[in-house]
PDB file of N, CA and C in Angstrom:
ATOM      1  N   MET A   1     108.682  74.923  96.508  1.00  0.00           N
ATOM      2  CA  MET A   1     108.051  76.307  96.504  1.00  0.00           C
ATOM      3  C   MET A   1     108.617  77.363  97.169  1.00  0.00           C
ATOM      4  N   SER A   2     108.620  78.532  96.761  1.00  0.00           N
ATOM      5  CA  SER A   2     109.103  79.715  97.427  1.00  0.00           C
ATOM      6  C   SER A   2     108.194  80.824  97.076  1.00  0.00           C
ATOM      7  N   THR A   3     108.132  81.981  97.960  1.00  0.00           N
ATOM      8  CA  THR A   3     107.143  83.026  97.885  1.00  0.00           C
ATOM      9  C   THR A   3     108.200  84.214  97.678  1.00  0.00           C
ATOM     10  N   VAL A   4     107.683  84.828  96.652  1.00  0.00           N
ATOM     11  CA  VAL A   4     108.509  86.229  96.336  1.00  0.00           C
ATOM     12  C   VAL A   4     107.278  87.554  96.037  1.00  0.00           C
ATOM     13  N   VAL A   5     107.672  88.564  96.595  1.00  0.00           N
ATOM     14  CA  VAL A   5     106.678  89.713  96.497  1.00  0.00           C
ATOM     15  C   VAL A   5     106.839  90.364  95.183  1.00  0.00           C
ATOM     16  N   VAL A   6     105.618  90.640  94.732  1.00  0.00           N
ATOM     17  CA  VAL A   6     105.620  91.082  93.285  1.00  0.00           C
ATOM     18  C   VAL A   6     106.664  92.238  93.102  1.00  0.00           C
ATOM     19  N   GLY A   7     107.544  92.199  91.969  1.00  0.00           N
ATOM     20  CA  GLY A   7     108.419  93.350  91.768  1.00  0.00           C
ATOM     21  C   GLY A   7     109.820  93.007  92.429  1.00  0.00           C
ATOM     22  N   GLU A   8     109.809  92.153  93.247  1.00  0.00           N
ATOM     23  CA  GLU A   8     111.214  91.723  93.914  1.00  0.00           C
ATOM     24  C   GLU A   8     111.960  90.638  92.998  1.00  0.00           C
ATOM     25  N   LYS A   9     113.311  90.529  93.126  1.00  0.00           N
ATOM     26  CA  LYS A   9     113.918  89.606  92.336  1.00  0.00           C
ATOM     27  C   LYS A   9     113.510  88.132  92.534  1.00  0.00           C
ATOM     28  N   ILE A  10     113.522  87.389  91.755  1.00  0.00           N
ATOM     29  CA  ILE A  10     113.247  86.084  91.798  1.00  0.00           C
ATOM     30  C   ILE A  10     114.622  85.163  92.011  1.00  0.00           C
ATOM     31  N   PRO A  11     114.825  84.434  93.271  1.00  0.00           N
ATOM     32  CA  PRO A  11     116.006  83.892  93.257  1.00  0.00           C
ATOM     33  C   PRO A  11     116.305  82.657  92.509  1.00  0.00           C
ATOM     34  N   LEU A  12     116.939  82.707  91.479  1.00  0.00           N
ATOM     35  CA  LEU A  12     116.985  81.481  90.636  1.00  0.00           C
ATOM     36  C   LEU A  12     118.232  80.765  91.103  1.00  0.00           C
ATOM     37  N   ALA A  13     118.209  79.811  91.160  1.00  0.00           N
ATOM     38  CA  ALA A  13     119.494  78.969  91.620  1.00  0.00           C
ATOM     39  C   ALA A  13     119.475  77.350  91.212  1.00  0.00           C
ATOM     40  N   LEU A  14     120.556  76.884  90.702  1.00  0.00           N
ATOM     41  CA  LEU A  14     120.464  75.360  90.516  1.00  0.00           C
ATOM     42  C   LEU A  14     121.901  74.997  90.708  1.00  0.00           C
ATOM     43  N   LYS A  15     121.941  73.923  91.643  1.00  0.00           N
ATOM     44  CA  LYS A  15     123.070  73.204  91.967  1.00  0.00           C
ATOM     45  C   LYS A  15     123.633  71.996  91.237  1.00  0.00           C
ATOM     46  N   LEU A  16     124.676  71.880  90.588  1.00  0.00           N
ATOM     47  CA  LEU A  16     125.070  70.649  89.618  1.00  0.00           C
ATOM     48  C   LEU A  16     125.721  69.831  90.605  1.00  0.00           C
ATOM     49  N   TYR A  17     125.032  68.493  90.745  1.00  0.00           N
ATOM     50  CA  TYR A  17     125.595  67.669  91.762  1.00  0.00           C
ATOM     51  C   TYR A  17     127.098  67.001  91.646  1.00  0.00           C
ATOM     52  N   ASP A  18     127.702  67.324  90.433  1.00  0.00           N
ATOM     53  CA  ASP A  18     129.073  66.917  90.173  1.00  0.00           C
ATOM     54  C   ASP A  18     129.917  68.215  90.231  1.00  0.00           C
ATOM     55  N   ASN A  19     129.403  69.116  90.703  1.00  0.00           N
ATOM     56  CA  ASN A  19     130.321  70.496  91.070  1.00  0.00           C
ATOM     57  C   ASN A  19     130.818  71.152  89.555  1.00  0.00           C
ATOM     58  N   VAL A  20     130.572  70.777  88.747  1.00  0.00           N
ATOM     59  CA  VAL A  20     131.155  71.143  87.295  1.00  0.00           C
ATOM     60  C   VAL A  20     130.711  72.845  87.348  1.00  0.00           C
ATOM     61  N   VAL A  21     131.984  73.600  86.945  1.00  0.00           N
ATOM     62  CA  VAL A  21     131.963  75.114  86.992  1.00  0.00           C
ATOM     63  C   VAL A  21     131.832  75.964  85.612  1.00  0.00           C
ATOM     64  N   ASN A  22     131.789  74.982  84.422  1.00  0.00           N
ATOM     65  CA  ASN A  22     131.968  75.473  83.090  1.00  0.00           C
ATOM     66  C   ASN A  22     130.684  75.250  82.271  1.00  0.00           C
ATOM     67  N   MET A  23     129.568  75.320  82.814  1.00  0.00           N
ATOM     68  CA  MET A  23     128.357  74.752  81.914  1.00  0.00           C
ATOM     69  C   MET A  23     127.686  75.957  81.572  1.00  0.00           C
ATOM     70  N   LYS A  24     126.563  76.028  80.491  1.00  0.00           N
ATOM     71  CA  LYS A  24     125.694  77.100  80.393  1.00  0.00           C
ATOM     72  C   LYS A  24     124.567  76.422  80.886  1.00  0.00           C
ATOM     73  N   VAL A  25     124.054  77.298  82.080  1.00  0.00           N
ATOM     74  CA  VAL A  25     122.676  76.902  82.733  1.00  0.00           C
ATOM     75  C   VAL A  25     121.785  78.129  82.492  1.00  0.00           C
ATOM     76  N   LYS A  26     120.534  77.557  82.046  1.00  0.00           N
ATOM     77  CA  LYS A  26     119.622  78.673  81.812  1.00  0.00           C
ATOM     78  C   LYS A  26     118.138  78.324  82.391  1.00  0.00           C
ATOM     79  N   ALA A  27     117.558  79.351  82.806  1.00  0.00           N
ATOM     80  CA  ALA A  27     115.985  79.096  83.359  1.00  0.00           C
ATOM     81  C   ALA A  27     114.892  79.834  82.372  1.00  0.00           C
ATOM     82  N   ASP A  28     113.992  78.916  81.858  1.00  0.00           N
ATOM     83  CA  ASP A  28     112.750  79.534  81.364  1.00  0.00           C
ATOM     84  C   ASP A  28     111.868  79.734  82.366  1.00  0.00           C
ATOM     85  N   ILE A  29     111.293  80.920  82.197  1.00  0.00           N
ATOM     86  CA  ILE A  29     110.338  81.381  83.250  1.00  0.00           C
ATOM     87  C   ILE A  29     108.740  81.145  82.486  1.00  0.00           C
ATOM     88  N   PHE A  30     107.794  80.475  83.059  1.00  0.00           N
ATOM     89  CA  PHE A  30     106.595  80.538  82.684  1.00  0.00           C
ATOM     90  C   PHE A  30     105.578  80.723  83.496  1.00  0.00           C
ATOM     91  N   SER A  31     104.498  81.452  82.909  1.00  0.00           N
ATOM     92  CA  SER A  31     103.289  81.620  83.722  1.00  0.00           C
ATOM     93  C   SER A  31     102.498  80.466  84.116  1.00  0.00           C
ATOM     94  N   MET A  32     101.361  80.584  84.744  1.00  0.00           N
ATOM     95  CA  MET A  32     100.588  79.465  85.388  1.00  0.00           C
ATOM     96  C   MET A  32      99.779  79.012  84.282  1.00  0.00           C
ATOM     97  N   PHE A  33      99.747  79.755  83.025  1.00  0.00           N
ATOM     98  CA  PHE A  33      99.082  79.374  81.749  1.00  0.00           C
ATOM     99  C   PHE A  33      99.960  78.760  80.834  1.00  0.00           C
ATOM    100  N   GLY A  34     101.129  78.757  81.291  1.00  0.00           N
ATOM    101  CA  GLY A  34     102.252  77.883  80.167  1.00  0.00           C
ATOM    102  C   GLY A  34     102.681  78.888  79.134  1.00  0.00           C
ATOM    103  N   ASP A  35     102.509  80.351  79.244  1.00  0.00           N
ATOM    104  CA  ASP A  35     103.358  81.274  78.500  1.00  0.00           C
ATOM    105  C   ASP A  35     104.689  81.367  79.066  1.00  0.00           C
ATOM    106  N   ARG A  36     105.557  81.284  78.002  1.00  0.00           N
ATOM    107  CA  ARG A  36     107.278  81.881  78.321  1.00  0.00           C
ATOM    108  C   ARG A  36     107.097  83.198  78.545  1.00  0.00           C
ATOM    109  N   LEU A  37     107.574  83.641  79.702  1.00  0.00           N
ATOM    110  CA  LEU A  37     107.714  84.949  80.069  1.00  0.00           C
ATOM    111  C   LEU A  37     109.062  85.581  79.953  1.00  0.00           C
ATOM    112  N   ALA A  38     110.241  84.745  79.909  1.00  0.00           N
ATOM    113  CA  ALA A  38     111.415  85.149  79.872  1.00  0.00           C
ATOM    114  C   ALA A  38     112.177  83.856  80.066  1.00  0.00           C
ATOM    115  N   THR A  39     113.569  84.149  79.577  1.00  0.00           N
ATOM    116  CA  THR A  39     114.815  83.101  79.392  1.00  0.00           C
ATOM    117  C   THR A  39     115.788  83.982  80.040  1.00  0.00           C
ATOM    118  N   VAL A  40     116.539  83.353  81.232  1.00  0.00           N
ATOM    119  CA  VAL A  40     117.787  83.889  81.794  1.00  0.00           C
ATOM    120  C   VAL A  40     118.792  82.944  82.060  1.00  0.00           C
ATOM    121  N   PHE A  41     120.103  83.574  81.773  1.00  0.00           N
ATOM    122  CA  PHE A  41     121.102  82.471  82.088  1.00  0.00           C
ATOM    123  C   PHE A  41     121.547  82.681  83.461  1.00  0.00           C
ATOM    124  N   LEU A  42     121.917  81.508  84.240  1.00  0.00           N
ATOM    125  CA  LEU A  42     122.557  81.588  85.403  1.00  0.00           C
ATOM    126  C   LEU A  42     124.011  81.821  85.291  1.00  0.00           C
ATOM    127  N   TYR A  43     124.663  82.304  86.347  1.00  0.00           N
ATOM    128  CA  TYR A  43     125.906  82.579  86.615  1.00  0.00           C
ATOM    129  C   TYR A  43     126.733  81.681  87.665  1.00  0.00           C
ATOM    130  N   HIS A  44     127.953  81.096  87.104  1.00  0.00           N
ATOM    131  CA  HIS A  44     128.393  80.325  88.099  1.00  0.00           C
ATOM    132  C   HIS A  44     129.172  80.962  89.471  1.00  0.00           C
ATOM    133  N   VAL A  45     128.781  80.555  90.556  1.00  0.00           N
ATOM    134  CA  VAL A  45     129.345  81.109  91.927  1.00  0.00           C
ATOM    135  C   VAL A  45     130.390  80.429  92.466  1.00  0.00           C
ATOM    136  N   GLU A  46     130.114  79.223  92.769  1.00  0.00           N
ATOM    137  CA  GLU A  46     131.338  78.338  93.170  1.00  0.00           C
ATOM    138  C   GLU A  46     130.509  76.999  93.321  1.00  0.00           C
ATOM    139  N   SER A  47     131.478  75.989  93.139  1.00  0.00           N
ATOM    140  CA  SER A  47     131.365  74.498  93.417  1.00  0.00           C
ATOM    141  C   SER A  47     130.136  74.131  92.451  1.00  0.00           C
ATOM    142  N   GLY A  48     129.818  74.500  91.326  1.00  0.00           N
ATOM    143  CA  GLY A  48     128.650  74.094  90.517  1.00  0.00           C
ATOM    144  C   GLY A  48     127.353  74.616  90.907  1.00  0.00           C
ATOM    145  N   LEU A  49     127.405  75.775  91.684  1.00  0.00           N
ATOM    146  CA  LEU A  49     126.435  76.468  92.193  1.00  0.00           C
ATOM    147  C   LEU A  49     126.292  77.686  90.990  1.00  0.00           C
ATOM    148  N   TYR A  50     125.002  77.482  90.339  1.00  0.00           N
ATOM    149  CA  TYR A  50     124.603  78.694  89.094  1.00  0.00           C
ATOM    150  C   TYR A  50     123.394  79.475  89.796  1.00  0.00           C
ATOM    151  N   VAL A  51     123.348  80.752  89.583  1.00  0.00           N
ATOM    152  CA  VAL A  51     122.387  81.848  90.320  1.00  0.00           C
ATOM    153  C   VAL A  51     122.327  82.799  89.169  1.00  0.00           C
ATOM    154  N   ASN A  52     120.992  83.218  89.546  1.00  0.00           N
ATOM    155  CA  ASN A  52     120.482  84.486  88.620  1.00  0.00           C
ATOM    156  C   ASN A  52     119.577  85.410  89.500  1.00  0.00           C
ATOM    157  N   THR A  53     119.738  86.705  90.100  1.00  0.00           N
ATOM    158  CA  THR A  53     118.809  87.330  90.844  1.00  0.00           C
ATOM    159  C   THR A  53     118.293  88.518  90.211  1.00  0.00           C
ATOM    160  N   ASP A  54     118.517  88.697  88.609  1.00  0.00           N
ATOM    161  CA  ASP A  54     118.055  89.605  87.905  1.00  0.00           C
ATOM    162  C   ASP A  54     116.640  89.866  87.375  1.00  0.00           C
ATOM    163  N   LEU A  55     115.987  88.880  87.726  1.00  0.00           N
ATOM    164  CA  LEU A  55     114.258  89.132  87.070  1.00  0.00           C
ATOM    165  C   LEU A  55     113.431  89.403  88.246  1.00  0.00           C
ATOM    166  N   PRO A  56     112.872  90.457  87.688  1.00  0.00           N
ATOM    167  CA  PRO A  56     111.645  90.801  88.954  1.00  0.00           C
ATOM    168  C   PRO A  56     110.306  89.792  88.852  1.00  0.00           C
ATOM    169  N   MET A  57     109.796  89.478  90.057  1.00  0.00           N
ATOM    170  CA  MET A  57     108.580  88.594  89.940  1.00  0.00           C
ATOM    171  C   MET A  57     107.560  89.527  89.352  1.00  0.00           C
ATOM    172  N   PRO A  58     106.906  88.885  88.207  1.00  0.00           N
ATOM    173  CA  PRO A  58     105.687  89.545  87.741  1.00  0.00           C
ATOM    174  C   PRO A  58     104.590  89.583  88.648  1.00  0.00           C
ATOM    175  N   ASP A  59     103.404  90.215  88.404  1.00  0.00           N
ATOM    176  CA  ASP A  59     102.081  90.338  88.853  1.00  0.00           C
ATOM    177  C   ASP A  59     101.454  88.949  88.322  1.00  0.00           C
ATOM    178  N   HIS A  60     101.726  87.734  88.765  1.00  0.00           N
ATOM    179  CA  HIS A  60     101.000  86.655  88.347  1.00  0.00           C
ATOM    180  C   HIS A  60     100.922  85.777  89.632  1.00  0.00           C
ATOM    181  N   LYS A  61      99.916  84.966  89.759  1.00  0.00           N
ATOM    182  CA  LYS A  61      99.583  84.037  91.133  1.00  0.00           C
ATOM    183  C   LYS A  61     101.041  83.218  91.171  1.00  0.00           C
ATOM    184  N   TYR A  62     101.367  82.893  90.258  1.00  0.00           N
ATOM    185  CA  TYR A  62     102.753  82.112  90.457  1.00  0.00           C
ATOM    186  C   TYR A  62     103.530  81.794  89.163  1.00  0.00           C
ATOM    187  N   VAL A  63     104.587  81.638  89.252  1.00  0.00           N
ATOM    188  CA  VAL A  63     105.576  81.344  87.625  1.00  0.00           C
ATOM    189  C   VAL A  63     106.250  80.066  88.222  1.00  0.00           C
ATOM    190  N   MET A  64     106.633  79.474  87.151  1.00  0.00           N
ATOM    191  CA  MET A  64     107.752  78.175  87.057  1.00  0.00           C
ATOM    192  C   MET A  64     108.963  78.443  86.530  1.00  0.00           C
ATOM    193  N   ALA A  65     110.087  77.937  87.142  1.00  0.00           N
ATOM    194  CA  ALA A  65     111.244  78.312  86.356  1.00  0.00           C
ATOM    195  C   ALA A  65     111.699  76.693  85.950  1.00  0.00           C
ATOM    196  N   ALA A  66     111.949  76.556  84.723  1.00  0.00           N
ATOM    197  CA  ALA A  66     112.336  75.240  84.107  1.00  0.00           C
ATOM    198  C   ALA A  66     113.977  75.544  83.915  1.00  0.00           C
ATOM    199  N   TYR A  67     114.958  74.881  84.463  1.00  0.00           N
ATOM    200  CA  TYR A  67     116.302  75.165  84.574  1.00  0.00           C
ATOM    201  C   TYR A  67     116.832  73.902  83.519  1.00  0.00           C
ATOM    202  N   THR A  68     117.652  74.310  82.653  1.00  0.00           N
ATOM    203  CA  THR A  68     118.194  73.364  81.564  1.00  0.00           C
ATOM    204  C   THR A  68     119.757  73.598  81.508  1.00  0.00           C
ATOM    205  N   VAL A  69     120.435  72.662  81.509  1.00  0.00           N
ATOM    206  CA  VAL A  69     121.961  72.921  81.317  1.00  0.00           C
ATOM    207  C   VAL A  69     122.007  72.282  79.807  1.00  0.00           C
ATOM    208  N   GLU A  70     122.418  73.530  79.116  1.00  0.00           N
ATOM    209  CA  GLU A  70     122.730  73.509  77.668  1.00  0.00           C
ATOM    210  C   GLU A  70     123.823  72.473  77.275  1.00  0.00           C
ATOM    211  N   ASP A  71     123.534  71.953  76.213  1.00  0.00           N
ATOM    212  CA  ASP A  71     124.727  71.144  75.629  1.00  0.00           C
ATOM    213  C   ASP A  71     125.092  69.961  76.258  1.00  0.00           C
ATOM    214  N   SER A  72     124.158  69.382  77.124  1.00  0.00           N
ATOM    215  CA  SER A  72     124.668  68.458  78.070  1.00  0.00           C
ATOM    216  C   SER A  72     123.352  67.484  78.168  1.00  0.00           C
ATOM    217  N   VAL A  73     123.879  66.000  78.061  1.00  0.00           N
ATOM    218  CA  VAL A  73     122.677  64.951  78.341  1.00  0.00           C
ATOM    219  C   VAL A  73     122.986  64.375  79.560  1.00  0.00           C
ATOM    220  N   ASP A  74     123.861  64.787  80.438  1.00  0.00           N
ATOM    221  CA  ASP A  74     124.341  64.392  81.755  1.00  0.00           C
ATOM    222  C   ASP A  74     123.356  64.690  82.809  1.00  0.00           C
ATOM    223  N   TYR A  75     122.740  65.880  82.750  1.00  0.00           N
ATOM    224  CA  TYR A  75     121.573  66.375  83.590  1.00  0.00           C
ATOM    225  C   TYR A  75     120.342  66.415  83.322  1.00  0.00           C
ATOM    226  N   GLU A  76     119.428  66.181  84.370  1.00  0.00           N
ATOM    227  CA  GLU A  76     117.829  66.229  83.992  1.00  0.00           C
ATOM    228  C   GLU A  76     117.631  67.713  84.125  1.00  0.00           C
ATOM    229  N   SER A  77     116.490  68.062  83.543  1.00  0.00           N
ATOM    230  CA  SER A  77     115.920  69.467  83.534  1.00  0.00           C
ATOM    231  C   SER A  77     114.916  69.422  84.926  1.00  0.00           C
ATOM    232  N   VAL A  78     115.199  70.673  85.713  1.00  0.00           N
ATOM    233  CA  VAL A  78     114.434  70.624  86.935  1.00  0.00           C
ATOM    234  C   VAL A  78     113.516  71.847  86.819  1.00  0.00           C
ATOM    235  N   CYS A  79     112.591  71.761  87.534  1.00  0.00           N
ATOM    236  CA  CYS A  79     111.459  72.854  87.471  1.00  0.00           C
ATOM    237  C   CYS A  79     111.348  73.321  88.994  1.00  0.00           C
ATOM    238  N   GLU A  80     110.987  74.556  89.308  1.00  0.00           N
ATOM    239  CA  GLU A  80     110.919  75.136  90.448  1.00  0.00           C
ATOM    240  C   GLU A  80     109.412  76.149  90.459  1.00  0.00           C
ATOM    241  N   ARG A  81     108.661  76.191  91.359  1.00  0.00           N
ATOM    242  CA  ARG A  81     107.634  77.119  91.474  1.00  0.00           C
ATOM    243  C   ARG A  81     107.889  78.106  92.367  1.00  0.00           C
ATOM    244  N   PHE A  82     107.476  79.555  91.951  1.00  0.00           N
ATOM    245  CA  PHE A  82     107.651  80.638  92.853  1.00  0.00           C
ATOM    246  C   PHE A  82     106.396  81.197  92.715  1.00  0.00           C
ATOM    247  N   ASP A  83     105.682  81.172  93.923  1.00  0.00           N
ATOM    248  CA  ASP A  83     104.335  82.057  94.343  1.00  0.00           C
ATOM    249  C   ASP A  83     104.532  83.476  94.462  1.00  0.00           C
ATOM    250  N   SER A  84     103.557  84.229  94.172  1.00  0.00           N
ATOM    251  CA  SER A  84     103.906  85.582  94.406  1.00  0.00           C
ATOM    252  C   SER A  84     102.973  86.203  95.502  1.00  0.00           C
ATOM    253  N   SER A  85     103.331  87.313  95.997  1.00  0.00           N
ATOM    254  CA  SER A  85     102.734  87.770  97.198  1.00  0.00           C
ATOM    255  C   SER A  85     102.765  89.275  96.971  1.00  0.00           C
ATOM    256  N   GLU A  86     101.783  90.042  97.621  1.00  0.00           N
ATOM    257  CA  GLU A  86     101.724  91.529  97.530  1.00  0.00           C
ATOM    258  C   GLU A  86     102.661  91.889  98.292  1.00  0.00           C
ATOM    259  N   ARG A  87     103.126  93.373  98.360  1.00  0.00           N
ATOM    260  CA  ARG A  87     103.952  94.013  99.271  1.00  0.00           C
ATOM    261  C   ARG A  87     102.975  94.400 100.217  1.00  0.00           C
ATOM    262  N   MET A  88     103.408  94.200 101.665  1.00  0.00           N
ATOM    263  CA  MET A  88     102.402  94.816 102.568  1.00  0.00           C
ATOM    264  C   MET A  88     102.912  96.458 102.877  1.00  0.00           C
ATOM    265  N   PRO A  89     101.828  97.280 102.867  1.00  0.00           N
ATOM    266  CA  PRO A  89     102.030  98.661 103.193  1.00  0.00           C
ATOM    267  C   PRO A  89     102.821  98.600 104.426  1.00  0.00           C
ATOM    268  N   GLU A  90     103.614  99.683 104.554  1.00  0.00           N
ATOM    269  CA  GLU A  90     104.469 100.062 105.728  1.00  0.00           C
ATOM    270  C   GLU A  90     103.727 100.912 106.596  1.00  0.00           C
ATOM    271  N   GLU A  91     103.853 100.702 107.654  1.00  0.00           N
ATOM    272  CA  GLU A  91     103.301 101.758 108.514  1.00  0.00           C
ATOM    273  C   GLU A  91     104.236 102.804 108.910  1.00  0.00           C
ATOM    274  N   GLU A  92     103.762 103.937 108.911  1.00  0.00           N
ATOM    275  CA  GLU A  92     104.823 105.168 109.111  1.00  0.00           C
ATOM    276  C   GLU A  92     105.121 105.436 110.810  1.00  0.00           C
ATOM    277  N   SER A  93     103.995 105.183 111.525  1.00  0.00           N
ATOM    278  CA  SER A  93     104.280 105.341 112.639  1.00  0.00           C
ATOM    279  C   SER A  93     102.974 104.828 113.359  1.00  0.00           C
ATOM    280  N   PHE A  94     103.110 104.406 114.692  1.00  0.00           N
ATOM    281  CA  PHE A  94     102.201 103.874 115.532  1.00  0.00           C
ATOM    282  C   PHE A  94     102.103 104.206 116.966  1.00  0.00           C
ATOM    283  N   VAL A  95     101.102 104.083 117.653  1.00  0.00           N
ATOM    284  CA  VAL A  95     101.025 104.556 119.043  1.00  0.00           C
ATOM    285  C   VAL A  95     101.032 103.135 119.918  1.00  0.00           C
ATOM    286  N   ALA A  96     101.719 103.144 120.996  1.00  0.00           N
ATOM    287  CA  ALA A  96     101.533 101.969 121.918  1.00  0.00           C
ATOM    288  C   ALA A  96     101.117 102.703 123.260  1.00  0.00           C
ATOM    289  N   GLY A  97     100.221 101.983 123.756  1.00  0.00           N
ATOM    290  CA  GLY A  97      99.800 102.647 125.052  1.00  0.00           C
ATOM    291  C   GLY A  97      98.429 101.827 125.711  1.00  0.00           C
ATOM    292  N   GLN A  98      97.695 102.360 126.500  1.00  0.00           N
ATOM    293  CA  GLN A  98      96.782 101.755 127.133  1.00  0.00           C
ATOM    294  C   GLN A  98      95.488 102.616 127.201  1.00  0.00           C
ATOM    295  N   VAL A  99      94.127 102.095 126.706  1.00  0.00           N
ATOM    296  CA  VAL A  99      93.002 102.918 126.655  1.00  0.00           C
ATOM    297  C   VAL A  99      92.369 103.167 127.988  1.00  0.00           C
ATOM    298  N   GLU A 100      92.005 104.203 128.468  1.00  0.00           N
ATOM    299  CA  GLU A 100      91.506 104.502 129.676  1.00  0.00           C
ATOM    300  C   GLU A 100      89.834 104.530 129.469  1.00  0.00           C
ATOM    301  N   SER A 101      89.571 104.963 128.424  1.00  0.00           N
ATOM    302  CA  SER A 101      88.126 105.178 128.121  1.00  0.00           C
ATOM    303  C   SER A 101      87.727 105.373 126.752  1.00  0.00           C
ATOM    304  N   SER A 102      86.446 105.188 126.253  1.00  0.00           N
ATOM    305  CA  SER A 102      86.530 105.289 124.953  1.00  0.00           C
ATOM    306  C   SER A 102      84.886 105.891 124.612  1.00  0.00           C
ATOM    307  N   SER A 103      84.669 106.498 123.731  1.00  0.00           N
ATOM    308  CA  SER A 103      83.392 107.120 123.489  1.00  0.00           C
ATOM    309  C   SER A 103      82.732 107.024 122.122  1.00  0.00           C
ATOM    310  N   LYS A 104      81.798 106.311 121.661  1.00  0.00           N
ATOM    311  CA  LYS A 104      81.546 105.916 120.191  1.00  0.00           C
ATOM    312  C   LYS A 104      80.723 107.386 119.802  1.00  0.00           C
ATOM    313  N   SER A 105      80.130 107.909 120.714  1.00  0.00           N
ATOM    314  CA  SER A 105      79.049 109.071 120.102  1.00  0.00           C
ATOM    315  C   SER A 105      79.955 110.275 119.809  1.00  0.00           C
ATOM    316  N   LYS A 106      81.181 110.481 120.281  1.00  0.00           N
ATOM    317  CA  LYS A 106      82.049 111.492 119.771  1.00  0.00           C
ATOM    318  C   LYS A 106      83.083 110.896 119.140  1.00  0.00           C
ATOM    319  N   GLU A 107      83.339 109.530 118.877  1.00  0.00           N
ATOM    320  CA  GLU A 107      84.393 109.217 118.164  1.00  0.00           C
ATOM    321  C   GLU A 107      85.775 109.481 118.300  1.00  0.00           C
ATOM    322  N   PHE A 108      86.061 109.363 119.688  1.00  0.00           N
ATOM    323  CA  PHE A 108      87.436 109.451 120.060  1.00  0.00           C
ATOM    324  C   PHE A 108      87.695 108.630 121.199  1.00  0.00           C
ATOM    325  N   ILE A 109      88.894 108.394 121.556  1.00  0.00           N
ATOM    326  CA  ILE A 109      89.479 107.572 122.509  1.00  0.00           C
ATOM    327  C   ILE A 109      90.423 108.173 123.401  1.00  0.00           C
ATOM    328  N   THR A 110      90.340 108.208 124.539  1.00  0.00           N
ATOM    329  CA  THR A 110      91.614 108.850 125.568  1.00  0.00           C
ATOM    330  C   THR A 110      92.304 107.685 126.005  1.00  0.00           C
ATOM    331  N   GLY A 111      93.403 107.835 126.623  1.00  0.00           N
ATOM    332  CA  GLY A 111      94.401 107.058 127.215  1.00  0.00           C
ATOM    333  C   GLY A 111      95.615 107.497 127.559  1.00  0.00           C
ATOM    334  N   VAL A 112      96.449 106.781 127.840  1.00  0.00           N
ATOM    335  CA  VAL A 112      97.937 107.047 128.309  1.00  0.00           C
ATOM    336  C   VAL A 112      98.792 106.552 127.273  1.00  0.00           C
ATOM    337  N   VAL A 113      99.581 107.387 126.670  1.00  0.00           N
ATOM    338  CA  VAL A 113     100.546 106.935 125.483  1.00  0.00           C
ATOM    339  C   VAL A 113     101.956 106.493 125.974  1.00  0.00           C
ATOM    340  N   ASP A 114     102.411 105.285 126.010  1.00  0.00           N
ATOM    341  CA  ASP A 114     103.491 104.916 126.413  1.00  0.00           C
ATOM    342  C   ASP A 114     104.702 105.244 125.209  1.00  0.00           C
ATOM    343  N   GLU A 115     104.626 104.995 124.091  1.00  0.00           N
ATOM    344  CA  GLU A 115     105.598 105.582 123.181  1.00  0.00           C
ATOM    345  C   GLU A 115     104.896 105.685 121.762  1.00  0.00           C
ATOM    346  N   VAL A 116     105.608 106.391 121.003  1.00  0.00           N
ATOM    347  CA  VAL A 116     105.441 106.728 119.652  1.00  0.00           C
ATOM    348  C   VAL A 116     106.449 106.086 118.699  1.00  0.00           C
ATOM    349  N   LYS A 117     106.397 105.019 117.773  1.00  0.00           N
ATOM    350  CA  LYS A 117     107.531 104.819 117.111  1.00  0.00           C
ATOM    351  C   LYS A 117     107.136 105.221 115.771  1.00  0.00           C
ATOM    352  N   SER A 118     108.292 105.525 114.809  1.00  0.00           N
ATOM    353  CA  SER A 118     108.224 105.807 113.517  1.00  0.00           C
ATOM    354  C   SER A 118     109.262 104.966 112.911  1.00  0.00           C
ATOM    355  N   HIS A 119     108.987 104.816 111.588  1.00  0.00           N
ATOM    356  CA  HIS A 119     109.872 104.016 110.638  1.00  0.00           C
ATOM    357  C   HIS A 119     110.614 105.082 109.933  1.00  0.00           C
TER     358      HIS A 119
END
């Protein structure tokens, strides 16, 4: 099981044990309810490794990829689960330092600023 941020590309990959380089490998992507969301073909990279990183992660709790080597009875079908996660908001900047005093009545904090970091 892998975790993928919603909207990021799903890293689909299948390695054939015998390193065959000329097979048609596909992945059927299913929702947690069993609905087929997509079918994509994987491309041979090297030594029987087939990959596809074109499909974005949908906004589902998880999806399952069912890999199939077409026109062959020599390989078993394999499934893989991808959990989704929300993209964390990026902080534009933050202040690092030490608080010298604070006052809840006036809603402010005084202190010494060591540094300000921006992204």
